Protein backbone atom coordinates (compact mmCIF):
# COMPACT_ATOMS: atom_id res chain seq x y z
CA UNK A 1 47.79 119.85 145.72
CA UNK A 2 51.37 119.61 144.49
CA UNK A 3 54.10 121.05 146.63
CA UNK A 4 57.27 122.28 145.09
CA UNK A 5 60.70 121.19 146.24
CA UNK A 6 61.35 124.54 147.81
CA UNK A 7 58.21 124.34 149.89
CA UNK A 8 58.86 120.80 150.99
CA UNK A 9 60.58 119.86 154.12
CA UNK A 10 64.34 119.49 153.98
CA UNK A 11 65.70 116.04 153.21
CA UNK A 12 67.18 114.12 156.12
CA UNK A 13 70.96 114.12 156.31
CA UNK A 14 72.72 110.77 155.79
CA UNK A 15 73.70 108.94 158.94
CA UNK A 16 77.34 109.54 159.83
CA UNK A 17 79.44 106.72 161.15
CA UNK A 18 82.28 107.26 163.53
CA UNK A 19 85.52 105.70 162.44
CA UNK A 20 87.39 104.61 165.48
CA UNK A 21 91.07 103.77 165.79
CA UNK A 22 90.12 100.15 166.55
CA UNK A 23 88.43 99.80 163.16
CA UNK A 24 91.34 101.40 161.32
CA UNK A 25 93.89 99.17 163.05
CA UNK A 26 91.76 96.08 162.44
CA UNK A 27 91.31 96.79 158.74
CA UNK A 28 95.00 97.61 158.34
CA UNK A 29 95.99 94.36 160.06
CA UNK A 30 93.61 92.36 157.86
CA UNK A 31 94.95 94.06 154.74
CA UNK A 32 98.52 93.15 155.70
CA UNK A 33 97.65 89.63 156.86
CA UNK A 34 96.34 88.42 153.50
CA UNK A 35 99.60 88.98 151.53
CA UNK A 36 101.66 87.54 154.39
CA UNK A 37 99.55 84.37 154.37
CA UNK A 38 99.85 84.14 150.59
CA UNK A 39 103.64 84.46 150.66
CA UNK A 40 104.45 82.24 153.63
CA UNK A 41 101.66 79.64 153.59
CA UNK A 42 99.75 79.33 150.33
CA UNK A 43 102.53 79.79 147.74
CA UNK A 44 104.94 77.31 149.39
CA UNK A 45 102.10 74.80 149.73
CA UNK A 46 101.27 75.13 146.01
CA UNK A 47 104.94 74.88 145.00
CA UNK A 48 105.56 71.75 147.07
CA UNK A 49 107.47 69.05 145.19
CA UNK A 50 106.18 65.50 145.06
CA UNK A 51 109.77 64.19 145.09
CA UNK A 52 113.24 65.41 146.08
CA UNK A 53 115.39 63.28 143.77
CA UNK A 54 115.07 61.31 140.54
CA UNK A 55 115.52 58.05 142.46
CA UNK A 56 112.21 58.67 144.29
CA UNK A 57 110.26 58.56 141.01
CA UNK A 58 108.65 55.28 140.01
CA UNK A 59 107.97 55.51 136.24
CA UNK A 60 104.96 53.19 136.66
CA UNK A 61 103.31 55.80 138.92
CA UNK A 62 103.81 58.67 136.44
CA UNK A 63 100.79 59.73 134.40
CA UNK A 64 102.36 62.56 132.35
CA UNK A 65 105.99 63.42 131.65
CA UNK A 66 106.44 66.65 129.72
CA UNK A 67 109.97 67.18 128.47
CA UNK A 68 111.47 70.30 126.94
CA UNK A 69 115.17 70.62 126.15
CA UNK A 70 116.71 73.82 124.76
CA UNK A 71 120.16 75.30 124.07
CA UNK A 72 121.91 72.22 122.67
CA UNK A 73 125.68 72.53 123.26
CA UNK A 74 126.32 71.75 119.57
CA UNK A 75 123.51 73.99 118.21
CA UNK A 76 121.27 71.05 117.29
CA UNK A 77 117.44 71.35 117.26
CA UNK A 78 115.51 71.65 120.53
CA UNK A 79 113.34 68.84 121.87
CA UNK A 80 109.74 69.56 122.81
CA UNK A 81 107.82 70.56 124.65
CA UNK A 82 106.32 67.12 124.27
CA UNK A 83 104.29 64.81 126.51
CA UNK A 84 106.32 61.64 126.25
CA UNK A 85 104.92 58.18 125.62
CA UNK A 86 104.58 56.19 128.90
CA UNK A 87 106.68 53.37 127.41
CA UNK A 88 109.63 55.80 127.27
CA UNK A 89 109.39 57.03 130.89
CA UNK A 90 111.96 54.54 132.32
CA UNK A 91 114.49 55.42 129.61
CA UNK A 92 114.01 59.19 130.12
CA UNK A 93 114.34 58.99 133.90
CA UNK A 94 117.39 56.72 133.61
CA UNK A 95 119.07 59.42 131.49
CA UNK A 96 119.08 61.81 134.47
CA UNK A 97 119.27 59.27 137.31
CA UNK A 98 122.32 58.68 139.47
CA UNK A 99 123.07 62.35 139.99
CA UNK A 100 125.22 63.36 142.93
CA UNK A 101 123.92 65.95 145.37
CA UNK A 102 125.87 69.22 145.40
CA UNK A 103 125.71 72.34 147.53
CA UNK A 104 125.36 74.78 144.65
CA UNK A 105 124.86 74.97 140.90
CA UNK A 106 127.44 77.04 139.01
CA UNK A 107 126.47 79.71 136.51
CA UNK A 108 125.14 77.31 133.89
CA UNK A 109 123.09 77.51 130.69
CA UNK A 110 119.35 76.76 130.89
CA UNK A 111 118.74 73.31 129.42
CA UNK A 112 115.02 72.78 130.02
CA UNK A 113 112.79 70.82 132.34
CA UNK A 114 110.94 67.62 133.08
CA UNK A 115 107.41 68.25 134.36
CA UNK A 116 106.08 65.20 136.15
CA UNK A 117 102.46 64.48 137.10
CA UNK A 118 101.72 61.31 139.03
CA UNK A 119 98.56 59.21 138.74
CA UNK A 120 97.51 60.33 142.24
CA UNK A 121 97.65 64.03 141.19
CA UNK A 122 100.98 64.99 142.76
CA UNK A 123 103.28 67.12 140.63
CA UNK A 124 106.89 68.11 140.43
CA UNK A 125 109.42 69.78 138.16
CA UNK A 126 113.04 68.94 137.45
CA UNK A 127 114.85 72.05 136.21
CA UNK A 128 117.83 71.25 134.02
CA UNK A 129 120.98 73.24 133.24
CA UNK A 130 124.25 72.40 131.51
CA UNK A 131 127.86 73.43 131.76
CA UNK A 132 131.07 71.94 130.42
CA UNK A 133 133.19 69.96 132.90
CA UNK A 134 136.00 72.40 132.18
CA UNK A 135 134.30 75.69 131.18
CA UNK A 136 137.53 77.14 129.78
CA UNK A 137 137.89 74.22 127.32
CA UNK A 138 135.23 74.26 124.57
CA UNK A 139 135.87 70.60 123.73
CA UNK A 140 135.19 69.29 127.25
CA UNK A 141 132.07 67.23 127.92
CA UNK A 142 128.91 69.20 128.83
CA UNK A 143 127.26 67.85 132.01
CA UNK A 144 123.77 68.16 133.44
CA UNK A 145 122.98 70.18 136.56
CA UNK A 146 119.53 69.74 138.12
CA UNK A 147 117.36 71.52 140.62
CA UNK A 148 114.58 69.49 142.23
CA UNK A 149 112.73 71.43 144.89
CA UNK A 150 115.49 72.78 147.12
CA UNK A 151 117.93 69.99 146.14
CA UNK A 152 120.75 70.56 143.64
CA UNK A 153 122.42 67.77 141.66
CA UNK A 154 125.19 67.13 139.16
CA UNK A 155 124.29 64.46 136.63
CA UNK A 156 125.35 62.76 133.43
CA UNK A 157 126.14 63.98 129.93
CA UNK A 158 123.93 66.48 128.13
CA UNK A 159 124.52 64.99 124.66
CA UNK A 160 123.29 61.58 125.85
CA UNK A 161 120.14 63.18 127.29
CA UNK A 162 119.45 65.00 124.02
CA UNK A 163 119.98 61.76 122.09
CA UNK A 164 117.52 59.79 124.24
CA UNK A 165 114.91 62.58 124.34
CA UNK A 166 115.25 63.07 120.56
CA UNK A 167 114.59 59.36 119.98
CA UNK A 168 111.55 59.35 122.29
CA UNK A 169 109.97 62.65 121.18
CA UNK A 170 108.39 61.36 117.91
CA UNK A 171 106.38 58.79 119.91
CA UNK A 172 105.04 61.52 122.23
CA UNK A 173 102.40 64.23 121.85
CA UNK A 174 103.74 67.69 120.95
CA UNK A 175 102.59 70.52 123.24
CA UNK A 176 102.55 74.27 122.89
């Protein structure tokens, strides 16, 4: 015999769970803890530099050097991005070596970057900027300013860096 739904017994009600203040506080704390850990632990660990100055870099230990230079002071063509030939690494690092440490970088024009990957997997980035020695004089020599990790440096001449990178770029592998 078939019983209709109306004749059948009522369906059991779903089990209700009590939400206590302890559970709400615990879930709220966990929800806030994850972003805090990301900001103060994980992101700084991922952004850690493998070096703090150009002098710490041994070109023989570098696996990949990606160079990109933009905003030429004399409106010449940009360089890169290009993975440079390993034979050119010493010349490219010498072009930015010998920089003096400074407390701050002035408002300067973005020049580009060196992205360095070592054979052991460590990585680092050298951010490059340029500004004329005397910003009010358009004929003064443009100089390099660098940021490596938290360190700031004042380096050599921008035109010399562009010249060296321009000579080395055809031997490298262009990147996108």
